[in-house]
Structures are given as structure tokens and as C-alpha cells.
């Protein structure tokens, strides 16, 4: 059997089905137009105005809060600096140098052979002799390192005297200069 001898089956024609009640029709024209509702338009405009006003108010409050925050941060920074300054003052006033200078101004002396009182039996340990009127450590001789925290702080007994006045060593009036060098730096002779 060859393909040339076969009969081709004719195409079937499609059957159209009509469904009742599904037809489209145009509405009758009354000739008058419907007016837009004025209330809807006014509500939309009022809503937009309220939203714009709220957004403006929120941005103004945010900007004001930013300025207040910057002012509080500046105040906090200043208070931190004040706290550091007061901490430095406390450290200077509690330094051994300032306490020793105040003790010396009050007439207290440092003895080279101290005596101790034992509380359990009330006995005196050590030399047991009173200290002389001269201290073994002289605060006014300039043997202590300068303390810049208490340099201008007045002593407790005398508000005109400071630790810097009593412990500053005297500097020489003239400092000798270095000898001039002629012909470059000196160097050893090598062969």
C-alpha cells in the first residue's frame, strides 16, 4: 500500500454552539450626564491637605529634636570635661606632695627614727623620744618633683603660699654656652 492510494479523510466542520442570554447590549442614553459628586472631591482634597500638614509637622518636630539632641550632647561633653578637671583636682589634693607640704606648714616634722604604739598592750615600740624641730625630709628644699596639678593650689594654713613656691629649685641666672666648633666636628685620626 502506498501513500498515493490512500484517501485523505476530509476535515470536519466545527459545530457552533450558541448560548442563550449572553448577548451584549448598549444601555439606552438618557441625554443627561451624571454630575460628579462634590463630597468625594472635597474629601480627597481635605485628606491630601491633612497628610501634607502632618508630614510638615513631623519634619518640623524631627528637626527640633535634632537641635535639642545636639544641645544635650554638647552639655554632656562639657560635663565630662568638668568631671575630668575635678578628678584632676582631687588627684592633686590627695597627692603625697601636697599632704606633706600642708603637714610641714602645720608644723609637723618627719622623724628618722619613728615610734609606734602597739594597741594590744599600749606599749611604745621604737626610740620613744620626741622628734626634733627639724624634719629629716625638707619639703622646701626643692628635692621633690614638681606637680603641675597642685602648682598654684594654696596651702591649707596660708592661702598666699603654694607648693610650687616652696619646692621650686632656683635656676642659675646664666647658662654657659657650648664652645664654638671650627672646621667641623672633631674626629679621631686614623691611619
N, C-alpha and C. Protein backbone atom coordinates (compact mmCIF):
# COMPACT_ATOMS: atom_id res chain seq x y z
N UNK A 1 0.84 -1.15 0.00
CA UNK A 1 0.00 0.00 0.00
C UNK A 1 0.89 1.22 0.00
N UNK A 2 0.54 2.10 -0.86
CA UNK A 2 1.35 3.30 -0.96
C UNK A 2 0.54 4.49 -0.46
N UNK A 3 1.24 5.48 -0.23
CA UNK A 3 0.59 6.69 0.29
C UNK A 3 -0.28 7.35 -0.79
N UNK A 4 0.05 7.15 -2.01
CA UNK A 4 -0.70 7.78 -3.07
C UNK A 4 -2.09 7.18 -3.20
N UNK A 5 -2.28 5.96 -2.79
CA UNK A 5 -3.55 5.31 -2.94
C UNK A 5 -4.49 5.54 -1.77
N UNK A 6 -4.01 6.05 -0.68
CA UNK A 6 -4.86 6.25 0.49
C UNK A 6 -5.71 7.49 0.30
N UNK A 7 -6.92 7.39 0.73
CA UNK A 7 -7.82 8.55 0.67
C UNK A 7 -7.63 9.37 1.93
N UNK A 8 -7.59 10.63 1.72
CA UNK A 8 -7.46 11.53 2.86
C UNK A 8 -8.83 11.77 3.45
N UNK A 9 -8.88 11.74 4.75
CA UNK A 9 -10.14 11.97 5.43
C UNK A 9 -10.42 13.48 5.39
N UNK A 10 -11.64 13.86 4.96
CA UNK A 10 -11.91 15.30 4.92
C UNK A 10 -12.03 15.87 6.34
N UNK A 11 -11.66 17.17 6.46
CA UNK A 11 -11.76 17.84 7.76
C UNK A 11 -13.20 17.99 8.15
N UNK A 12 -13.43 17.85 9.44
CA UNK A 12 -14.79 18.04 9.92
C UNK A 12 -15.04 19.52 10.11
N UNK A 13 -16.20 19.94 9.84
CA UNK A 13 -16.55 21.34 10.05
C UNK A 13 -16.94 21.54 11.50
N UNK A 14 -16.48 22.62 12.13
CA UNK A 14 -16.79 22.83 13.54
C UNK A 14 -18.26 23.18 13.74
N UNK A 15 -18.77 22.70 14.82
CA UNK A 15 -20.17 22.96 15.14
C UNK A 15 -20.19 24.15 16.08
N UNK A 16 -21.00 25.13 15.73
CA UNK A 16 -21.11 26.35 16.56
C UNK A 16 -22.23 26.17 17.54
N UNK A 17 -21.87 26.45 18.77
CA UNK A 17 -22.88 26.35 19.80
C UNK A 17 -23.25 27.76 20.24
N UNK A 18 -24.42 28.03 20.35
CA UNK A 18 -24.88 29.34 20.81
C UNK A 18 -25.45 29.18 22.20
N UNK A 19 -25.05 30.08 23.04
CA UNK A 19 -25.55 30.05 24.40
C UNK A 19 -26.54 31.17 24.57
N UNK A 20 -27.70 30.85 25.01
CA UNK A 20 -28.71 31.91 25.15
C UNK A 20 -28.43 32.78 26.37
N UNK A 21 -28.76 34.06 26.32
CA UNK A 21 -28.67 35.02 27.42
C UNK A 21 -27.32 35.68 27.58
N UNK A 22 -26.42 35.47 26.69
CA UNK A 22 -25.10 36.06 26.84
C UNK A 22 -24.84 37.08 25.75
N UNK A 23 -25.77 37.82 25.40
CA UNK A 23 -25.56 38.82 24.35
C UNK A 23 -25.32 40.16 25.01
N UNK A 24 -24.45 40.96 24.42
CA UNK A 24 -24.15 42.29 24.92
C UNK A 24 -25.06 43.30 24.25
N UNK A 25 -25.54 44.25 25.06
CA UNK A 25 -26.40 45.29 24.53
C UNK A 25 -25.94 46.62 25.10
N UNK A 26 -26.09 47.68 24.37
CA UNK A 26 -25.75 49.02 24.81
C UNK A 26 -26.89 49.56 25.66
N UNK A 27 -26.54 50.35 26.67
CA UNK A 27 -27.55 50.96 27.53
C UNK A 27 -28.20 52.12 26.80
N UNK A 28 -29.40 52.34 27.10
CA UNK A 28 -30.06 53.48 26.45
C UNK A 28 -29.51 54.79 26.99
N UNK A 29 -29.36 55.79 26.17
CA UNK A 29 -28.83 57.09 26.52
C UNK A 29 -29.99 58.00 26.90
N UNK A 30 -29.93 58.53 28.18
CA UNK A 30 -31.00 59.41 28.64
C UNK A 30 -30.81 60.83 28.12
N UNK A 31 -29.61 61.17 27.72
CA UNK A 31 -29.36 62.51 27.25
C UNK A 31 -28.83 63.41 28.35
N UNK A 32 -28.90 63.04 29.56
CA UNK A 32 -28.35 63.87 30.63
C UNK A 32 -27.12 63.18 31.21
N UNK A 33 -26.14 63.96 31.60
CA UNK A 33 -24.92 63.44 32.20
C UNK A 33 -25.02 63.45 33.70
N UNK A 34 -24.36 62.49 34.30
CA UNK A 34 -24.32 62.47 35.75
C UNK A 34 -23.28 63.44 36.26
N UNK A 35 -23.65 64.22 37.23
CA UNK A 35 -22.70 65.18 37.81
C UNK A 35 -21.77 64.46 38.78
N UNK A 36 -20.49 64.88 38.81
CA UNK A 36 -19.59 64.26 39.79
C UNK A 36 -19.99 64.68 41.20
N UNK A 37 -19.78 63.80 42.11
CA UNK A 37 -20.15 64.08 43.50
C UNK A 37 -19.16 65.06 44.10
N UNK A 38 -19.64 66.16 44.60
CA UNK A 38 -18.81 67.20 45.20
C UNK A 38 -18.24 66.75 46.54
N UNK A 39 -18.95 65.95 47.26
CA UNK A 39 -18.48 65.49 48.57
C UNK A 39 -17.22 64.63 48.43
N UNK A 40 -17.17 63.78 47.40
CA UNK A 40 -15.99 62.93 47.21
C UNK A 40 -14.76 63.77 46.88
N UNK A 41 -14.95 64.77 46.05
CA UNK A 41 -13.83 65.64 45.68
C UNK A 41 -13.32 66.42 46.88
N UNK A 42 -14.24 66.96 47.67
CA UNK A 42 -13.81 67.71 48.85
C UNK A 42 -13.12 66.81 49.86
N UNK A 43 -13.59 65.58 50.02
CA UNK A 43 -12.95 64.63 50.94
C UNK A 43 -11.53 64.30 50.48
N UNK A 44 -11.33 64.10 49.20
CA UNK A 44 -10.00 63.79 48.67
C UNK A 44 -9.04 64.97 48.86
N UNK A 45 -9.51 66.18 48.61
CA UNK A 45 -8.68 67.38 48.79
C UNK A 45 -8.35 67.59 50.27
N UNK A 46 -9.32 67.42 51.15
CA UNK A 46 -9.08 67.58 52.59
C UNK A 46 -8.11 66.51 53.09
N UNK A 47 -8.24 65.29 52.61
CA UNK A 47 -7.31 64.22 53.00
C UNK A 47 -5.88 64.54 52.58
N UNK A 48 -5.71 65.04 51.36
CA UNK A 48 -4.37 65.40 50.88
C UNK A 48 -3.80 66.55 51.71
N UNK A 49 -4.64 67.52 52.06
CA UNK A 49 -4.16 68.65 52.89
C UNK A 49 -3.77 68.18 54.29
N UNK A 50 -4.56 67.26 54.85
CA UNK A 50 -4.23 66.74 56.19
C UNK A 50 -2.92 65.96 56.15
N UNK A 51 -2.71 65.16 55.14
CA UNK A 51 -1.46 64.40 55.01
C UNK A 51 -0.27 65.33 54.85
N UNK A 52 -0.39 66.36 54.02
CA UNK A 52 0.71 67.32 53.83
C UNK A 52 1.02 68.06 55.13
N UNK A 53 -0.03 68.47 55.86
CA UNK A 53 0.17 69.17 57.14
C UNK A 53 0.84 68.26 58.16
N UNK A 54 0.41 67.01 58.23
CA UNK A 54 1.02 66.06 59.17
C UNK A 54 2.48 65.81 58.82
N UNK A 55 2.78 65.69 57.55
CA UNK A 55 4.17 65.47 57.14
C UNK A 55 5.03 66.68 57.49
N UNK A 56 4.53 67.88 57.28
CA UNK A 56 5.25 69.09 57.64
C UNK A 56 5.47 69.18 59.15
N UNK A 57 4.46 68.83 59.92
CA UNK A 57 4.60 68.87 61.38
C UNK A 57 5.62 67.85 61.86
N UNK A 58 5.59 66.63 61.30
CA UNK A 58 6.56 65.61 61.71
C UNK A 58 7.99 66.01 61.35
N UNK A 59 8.19 66.60 60.19
CA UNK A 59 9.54 67.01 59.81
C UNK A 59 10.03 68.16 60.69
N UNK A 60 9.13 69.07 61.07
CA UNK A 60 9.50 70.16 61.97
C UNK A 60 9.87 69.62 63.35
N UNK A 61 9.09 68.67 63.86
CA UNK A 61 9.39 68.06 65.16
C UNK A 61 10.71 67.28 65.12
N UNK A 62 10.98 66.62 64.02
CA UNK A 62 12.24 65.88 63.88
C UNK A 62 13.42 66.84 63.88
N UNK A 63 13.31 67.96 63.17
CA UNK A 63 14.39 68.94 63.14
C UNK A 63 14.59 69.55 64.53
N UNK A 64 13.51 69.85 65.22
CA UNK A 64 13.62 70.41 66.57
C UNK A 64 14.26 69.40 67.52
N UNK A 65 13.91 68.14 67.39
CA UNK A 65 14.50 67.10 68.25
C UNK A 65 16.00 66.96 67.95
N UNK A 66 16.39 67.14 66.70
CA UNK A 66 17.81 67.06 66.35
C UNK A 66 18.59 68.18 67.01
N UNK A 67 18.03 69.40 67.02
CA UNK A 67 18.71 70.52 67.68
C UNK A 67 18.79 70.30 69.19
N UNK A 68 17.73 69.77 69.78
CA UNK A 68 17.75 69.51 71.22
C UNK A 68 18.77 68.42 71.54
N UNK A 69 18.87 67.40 70.70
CA UNK A 69 19.85 66.34 70.91
C UNK A 69 21.27 66.88 70.81
N UNK A 70 21.52 67.76 69.85
CA UNK A 70 22.85 68.37 69.72
C UNK A 70 23.18 69.21 70.95
N UNK A 71 22.20 69.93 71.49
CA UNK A 71 22.45 70.74 72.68
C UNK A 71 22.74 69.86 73.89
N UNK A 72 22.02 68.76 74.03
CA UNK A 72 22.25 67.84 75.15
C UNK A 72 23.61 67.18 75.02
N UNK A 73 24.02 66.80 73.80
CA UNK A 73 25.33 66.21 73.60
C UNK A 73 26.44 67.20 73.92
N UNK A 74 26.25 68.46 73.55
CA UNK A 74 27.23 69.50 73.89
C UNK A 74 27.32 69.68 75.40
N UNK A 75 26.18 69.67 76.06
CA UNK A 75 26.17 69.80 77.53
C UNK A 75 26.84 68.59 78.17
N UNK A 76 26.60 67.40 77.64
CA UNK A 76 27.24 66.20 78.17
C UNK A 76 28.75 66.26 77.99
N UNK A 77 29.21 66.75 76.84
CA UNK A 77 30.65 66.90 76.62
C UNK A 77 31.27 67.88 77.62
N UNK A 78 30.57 69.00 77.86
CA UNK A 78 31.09 69.98 78.82
C UNK A 78 31.12 69.39 80.24
N UNK A 79 30.09 68.62 80.60
CA UNK A 79 30.08 68.00 81.92
C UNK A 79 31.18 66.95 82.06
N UNK A 80 31.49 66.25 80.98
CA UNK A 80 32.59 65.29 81.01
C UNK A 80 33.91 66.00 81.23
N UNK A 81 34.09 67.13 80.56
CA UNK A 81 35.32 67.91 80.76
C UNK A 81 35.40 68.43 82.19
N UNK A 82 34.28 68.90 82.74
CA UNK A 82 34.26 69.36 84.13
C UNK A 82 34.59 68.22 85.10
N UNK A 83 34.05 67.04 84.83
CA UNK A 83 34.34 65.89 85.69
C UNK A 83 35.82 65.54 85.65
N UNK A 84 36.43 65.57 84.46
CA UNK A 84 37.86 65.29 84.35
C UNK A 84 38.68 66.32 85.10
N UNK A 85 38.27 67.58 85.02
CA UNK A 85 39.00 68.63 85.73
C UNK A 85 38.90 68.44 87.24
N UNK A 86 37.71 68.10 87.72
CA UNK A 86 37.53 67.86 89.16
C UNK A 86 38.28 66.61 89.62
N UNK A 87 38.34 65.60 88.78
CA UNK A 87 39.11 64.40 89.11
C UNK A 87 40.59 64.73 89.23
N UNK A 88 41.09 65.57 88.32
CA UNK A 88 42.48 66.01 88.41
C UNK A 88 42.74 66.81 89.68
N UNK A 89 41.79 67.66 90.06
CA UNK A 89 41.95 68.43 91.29
C UNK A 89 41.97 67.52 92.51
N UNK A 90 41.12 66.50 92.54
CA UNK A 90 41.10 65.56 93.66
C UNK A 90 42.41 64.79 93.71
N UNK A 91 42.91 64.38 92.53
CA UNK A 91 44.18 63.65 92.50
C UNK A 91 45.32 64.53 93.01
N UNK A 92 45.31 65.81 92.66
CA UNK A 92 46.35 66.72 93.14
C UNK A 92 46.26 66.97 94.64
N UNK A 93 45.03 67.16 95.13
CA UNK A 93 44.87 67.43 96.57
C UNK A 93 45.15 66.21 97.43
N UNK A 94 45.03 65.01 96.86
CA UNK A 94 45.32 63.82 97.64
C UNK A 94 46.73 63.29 97.37
N UNK A 95 47.55 64.05 96.64
CA UNK A 95 48.91 63.60 96.36
C UNK A 95 49.77 63.70 97.62
N UNK A 96 50.72 62.81 97.77
CA UNK A 96 51.60 62.85 98.95
C UNK A 96 52.38 64.16 99.06
N UNK A 97 52.74 64.75 97.94
CA UNK A 97 53.49 66.01 97.96
C UNK A 97 52.65 67.13 98.59
N UNK A 98 51.38 67.23 98.21
CA UNK A 98 50.53 68.27 98.77
C UNK A 98 50.24 68.02 100.25
N UNK A 99 50.01 66.75 100.59
CA UNK A 99 49.78 66.43 102.00
C UNK A 99 51.01 66.72 102.85
N UNK A 100 52.21 66.40 102.32
CA UNK A 100 53.44 66.67 103.08
C UNK A 100 53.69 68.17 103.20
N UNK A 101 53.39 68.92 102.17
CA UNK A 101 53.57 70.39 102.24
C UNK A 101 52.62 70.99 103.26
N UNK A 102 51.37 70.52 103.31
CA UNK A 102 50.42 71.01 104.31
C UNK A 102 50.82 70.59 105.71
N UNK A 103 51.32 69.36 105.87
CA UNK A 103 51.77 68.91 107.18
C UNK A 103 52.96 69.73 107.65
N UNK A 104 53.87 70.05 106.75
CA UNK A 104 55.03 70.88 107.11
C UNK A 104 54.57 72.29 107.48
N UNK A 105 53.58 72.82 106.77
CA UNK A 105 53.08 74.16 107.09
C UNK A 105 52.36 74.17 108.44
N UNK A 106 51.81 73.05 108.84
CA UNK A 106 51.14 72.96 110.15
C UNK A 106 52.13 72.71 111.29
N UNK A 107 53.41 72.48 110.96
CA UNK A 107 54.42 72.28 111.99
C UNK A 107 54.77 70.83 112.23
N UNK A 108 54.26 69.93 111.44
CA UNK A 108 54.60 68.53 111.60
C UNK A 108 55.96 68.26 110.97
N UNK A 109 56.72 67.34 111.59
CA UNK A 109 58.05 67.00 111.09
C UNK A 109 58.12 65.50 110.85
N UNK A 110 59.04 65.10 109.98
CA UNK A 110 59.28 63.68 109.70
C UNK A 110 60.51 63.28 110.52
N UNK A 111 60.36 62.26 111.35
CA UNK A 111 61.45 61.80 112.20
C UNK A 111 62.15 60.63 111.53
N UNK A 112 63.49 60.56 111.67
CA UNK A 112 64.24 59.45 111.05
C UNK A 112 64.08 58.16 111.84
N UNK A 113 63.76 58.25 113.13
CA UNK A 113 63.53 57.04 113.93
C UNK A 113 62.13 57.12 114.53
N UNK A 114 61.14 56.65 113.81
CA UNK A 114 59.77 56.79 114.30
C UNK A 114 59.47 55.81 115.45
N UNK A 115 58.48 56.14 116.20
CA UNK A 115 58.00 55.29 117.29
C UNK A 115 56.58 54.86 116.96
N UNK A 116 56.22 53.65 117.41
CA UNK A 116 54.90 53.11 117.12
C UNK A 116 54.22 52.72 118.42
N UNK A 117 52.95 52.79 118.48
CA UNK A 117 52.16 52.41 119.65
C UNK A 117 51.44 51.11 119.33
N UNK A 118 51.72 50.07 120.15
CA UNK A 118 51.03 48.79 119.97
C UNK A 118 49.77 48.86 120.81
N UNK A 119 48.61 48.67 120.17
CA UNK A 119 47.33 48.84 120.83
C UNK A 119 46.97 47.68 121.76
N UNK A 120 47.50 46.50 121.52
CA UNK A 120 47.11 45.36 122.34
C UNK A 120 47.56 45.50 123.79
N UNK A 121 48.77 46.04 124.03
CA UNK A 121 49.24 46.21 125.41
C UNK A 121 49.64 47.65 125.71
N UNK A 122 49.41 48.58 124.78
CA UNK A 122 49.70 50.01 124.94
C UNK A 122 51.17 50.27 125.20
N UNK A 123 52.05 49.49 124.57
CA UNK A 123 53.49 49.73 124.73
C UNK A 123 54.01 50.49 123.52
N UNK A 124 55.09 51.23 123.71
CA UNK A 124 55.70 52.04 122.67
C UNK A 124 56.88 51.26 122.09
N UNK A 125 56.89 51.11 120.78
CA UNK A 125 57.97 50.42 120.09
C UNK A 125 58.81 51.46 119.37
N UNK A 126 60.11 51.36 119.39
CA UNK A 126 60.99 52.29 118.71
C UNK A 126 61.78 53.09 119.72
N UNK A 127 62.29 54.25 119.30
CA UNK A 127 63.14 55.07 120.16
C UNK A 127 62.35 55.62 121.34
N UNK A 128 61.16 56.00 121.11
CA UNK A 128 60.34 56.52 122.20
C UNK A 128 60.67 57.94 122.59
N UNK A 129 61.49 58.62 121.81
CA UNK A 129 61.83 60.02 122.11
C UNK A 129 61.08 60.91 121.14
N UNK A 130 60.76 62.10 121.57
CA UNK A 130 60.06 63.01 120.65
C UNK A 130 60.99 63.44 119.51
N UNK A 131 60.38 63.78 118.40
CA UNK A 131 61.13 64.23 117.22
C UNK A 131 61.64 65.63 117.46
N UNK A 132 62.74 65.95 116.79
CA UNK A 132 63.29 67.30 116.91
C UNK A 132 62.45 68.26 116.08
N UNK A 133 62.78 69.52 116.17
CA UNK A 133 62.01 70.52 115.42
C UNK A 133 62.41 70.58 113.96
N UNK A 134 63.43 69.85 113.57
CA UNK A 134 63.85 69.80 112.17
C UNK A 134 63.40 68.47 111.57
N UNK A 135 62.82 68.53 110.38
CA UNK A 135 62.35 67.34 109.69
C UNK A 135 63.51 66.71 108.94
N UNK A 136 63.51 65.40 108.84
CA UNK A 136 64.56 64.73 108.07
C UNK A 136 64.35 64.88 106.57
N UNK A 137 63.14 65.21 106.15
CA UNK A 137 62.84 65.49 104.74
C UNK A 137 62.39 66.94 104.66
N UNK A 138 63.11 67.74 103.91
CA UNK A 138 62.79 69.15 103.79
C UNK A 138 61.98 69.36 102.52
N UNK A 139 60.71 69.67 102.66
CA UNK A 139 59.84 69.88 101.50
C UNK A 139 60.19 71.16 100.76
N UNK A 140 60.74 72.13 101.43
CA UNK A 140 61.03 73.40 100.79
C UNK A 140 62.36 73.43 100.09
N UNK A 141 63.14 72.36 100.14
CA UNK A 141 64.47 72.39 99.54
C UNK A 141 64.46 72.08 98.05
N UNK A 142 63.33 71.77 97.51
CA UNK A 142 63.26 71.51 96.08
C UNK A 142 63.67 70.10 95.71
N UNK A 143 63.63 69.18 96.66
CA UNK A 143 64.02 67.80 96.35
C UNK A 143 62.86 66.96 95.84
N UNK A 144 61.71 67.51 95.72
CA UNK A 144 60.55 66.77 95.21
C UNK A 144 60.30 67.16 93.76
N UNK A 145 59.74 66.24 93.00
CA UNK A 145 59.40 66.53 91.60
C UNK A 145 58.23 67.49 91.56
N UNK A 146 58.26 68.39 90.61
CA UNK A 146 57.18 69.37 90.50
C UNK A 146 55.89 68.67 90.09
N UNK A 147 54.79 69.08 90.69
CA UNK A 147 53.48 68.51 90.39
C UNK A 147 52.63 69.62 89.80
N UNK A 148 52.33 69.53 88.51
CA UNK A 148 51.59 70.61 87.85
C UNK A 148 50.13 70.67 88.30
N UNK A 149 49.60 69.59 88.89
CA UNK A 149 48.21 69.61 89.35
C UNK A 149 48.02 70.51 90.56
N UNK A 150 49.07 70.68 91.37
CA UNK A 150 48.94 71.47 92.60
C UNK A 150 49.87 72.67 92.61
N UNK A 151 50.42 73.03 91.46
CA UNK A 151 51.41 74.12 91.41
C UNK A 151 50.83 75.43 91.93
N UNK A 152 49.60 75.74 91.62
CA UNK A 152 49.01 77.01 92.03
C UNK A 152 47.96 76.84 93.13
N UNK A 153 47.88 75.68 93.74
CA UNK A 153 46.89 75.43 94.79
C UNK A 153 47.44 75.96 96.11
N UNK A 154 46.70 76.80 96.80
CA UNK A 154 47.22 77.33 98.07
C UNK A 154 47.22 76.26 99.16
N UNK A 155 48.12 76.44 100.13
CA UNK A 155 48.18 75.53 101.26
C UNK A 155 47.00 75.80 102.19
N UNK A 156 46.73 74.84 103.06
CA UNK A 156 45.57 74.95 103.94
C UNK A 156 45.76 76.07 104.96
N UNK A 157 46.95 76.20 105.50
CA UNK A 157 47.18 77.19 106.57
C UNK A 157 47.44 78.59 106.04
N UNK A 158 48.04 78.70 104.87
CA UNK A 158 48.39 80.01 104.32
C UNK A 158 47.93 80.06 102.86
N UNK A 159 46.92 80.88 102.59
CA UNK A 159 46.36 80.93 101.24
C UNK A 159 47.26 81.68 100.26
N UNK A 160 48.27 82.37 100.76
CA UNK A 160 49.21 83.06 99.88
C UNK A 160 50.35 82.15 99.45
N UNK A 161 50.64 81.11 100.21
CA UNK A 161 51.74 80.21 99.89
C UNK A 161 51.22 79.02 99.10
N UNK A 162 52.02 78.57 98.15
CA UNK A 162 51.66 77.39 97.35
C UNK A 162 52.79 76.38 97.40
N UNK A 163 52.53 75.18 96.95
CA UNK A 163 53.55 74.14 96.93
C UNK A 163 54.64 74.51 95.93
N UNK A 164 54.29 75.12 94.82
CA UNK A 164 55.27 75.49 93.80
C UNK A 164 56.28 76.49 94.33
N UNK A 165 55.85 77.40 95.20
CA UNK A 165 56.77 78.40 95.75
C UNK A 165 57.76 77.77 96.71
N UNK A 166 57.32 76.76 97.44
CA UNK A 166 58.20 76.19 98.44
C UNK A 166 59.09 75.09 97.89
N UNK A 167 58.74 74.48 96.75
CA UNK A 167 59.53 73.35 96.27
C UNK A 167 60.20 73.59 94.93
N UNK A 168 60.14 74.78 94.37
CA UNK A 168 60.77 75.04 93.09
C UNK A 168 62.23 75.36 93.29
N UNK A 169 63.14 74.58 92.71
CA UNK A 169 64.57 74.88 92.89
C UNK A 169 64.94 76.14 92.12
N UNK A 170 65.94 76.82 92.62
CA UNK A 170 66.36 78.05 91.95
C UNK A 170 67.22 77.69 90.74
N UNK A 171 66.96 78.35 89.64
CA UNK A 171 67.70 78.11 88.41
C UNK A 171 68.86 79.08 88.32
N UNK A 172 69.96 78.68 87.71
CA UNK A 172 71.08 79.62 87.56
C UNK A 172 70.68 80.76 86.63
N UNK A 173 71.26 81.93 86.89
CA UNK A 173 70.90 83.10 86.08
C UNK A 173 71.48 83.03 84.67
N UNK A 174 72.69 82.54 84.55
CA UNK A 174 73.32 82.46 83.23
C UNK A 174 73.68 81.00 82.94
N UNK A 175 73.28 80.56 81.79
CA UNK A 175 73.61 79.20 81.36
C UNK A 175 74.82 79.30 80.43
N UNK A 176 75.90 78.57 80.74
CA UNK A 176 77.07 78.68 79.86
C UNK A 176 76.76 78.09 78.49
N UNK A 177 77.34 78.71 77.46
CA UNK A 177 77.10 78.24 76.09
C UNK A 177 78.16 77.23 75.70
N UNK A 178 77.86 76.45 74.69
CA UNK A 178 78.81 75.45 74.20
C UNK A 178 79.94 76.13 73.46
N UNK A 179 81.15 75.56 73.54
CA UNK A 179 82.28 76.19 72.82
C UNK A 179 82.07 76.09 71.32
N UNK A 180 82.54 77.09 70.57
CA UNK A 180 82.38 77.05 69.11
C UNK A 180 83.24 75.94 68.50
N UNK A 181 82.76 75.34 67.44
CA UNK A 181 83.49 74.29 66.73
C UNK A 181 83.96 74.86 65.40
N UNK A 182 85.28 74.88 65.20
CA UNK A 182 85.86 75.37 63.94
C UNK A 182 86.31 74.18 63.11
N UNK A 183 86.00 74.21 61.86
CA UNK A 183 86.46 73.17 60.95
C UNK A 183 85.68 71.87 61.05
N UNK A 184 84.44 71.90 61.48
CA UNK A 184 83.61 70.69 61.54
C UNK A 184 83.71 70.00 62.87
N UNK A 185 83.12 68.85 62.95
CA UNK A 185 83.11 68.09 64.17
C UNK A 185 84.47 67.41 64.39
N UNK A 186 84.89 67.34 65.64
CA UNK A 186 86.18 66.66 65.89
C UNK A 186 86.03 65.16 65.65
N UNK A 187 87.05 64.56 65.05
CA UNK A 187 87.03 63.12 64.80
C UNK A 187 88.42 62.57 65.07
N UNK A 188 88.52 61.30 65.43
CA UNK A 188 89.82 60.73 65.71
C UNK A 188 90.62 60.54 64.40
N UNK A 189 91.92 60.60 64.53
CA UNK A 189 92.79 60.42 63.36
C UNK A 189 93.05 58.94 63.19
N UNK A 190 92.78 58.42 62.03
CA UNK A 190 93.03 57.00 61.74
C UNK A 190 94.09 56.88 60.66
N UNK A 191 94.87 55.82 60.66
CA UNK A 191 95.91 55.63 59.67
C UNK A 191 95.65 54.46 58.81
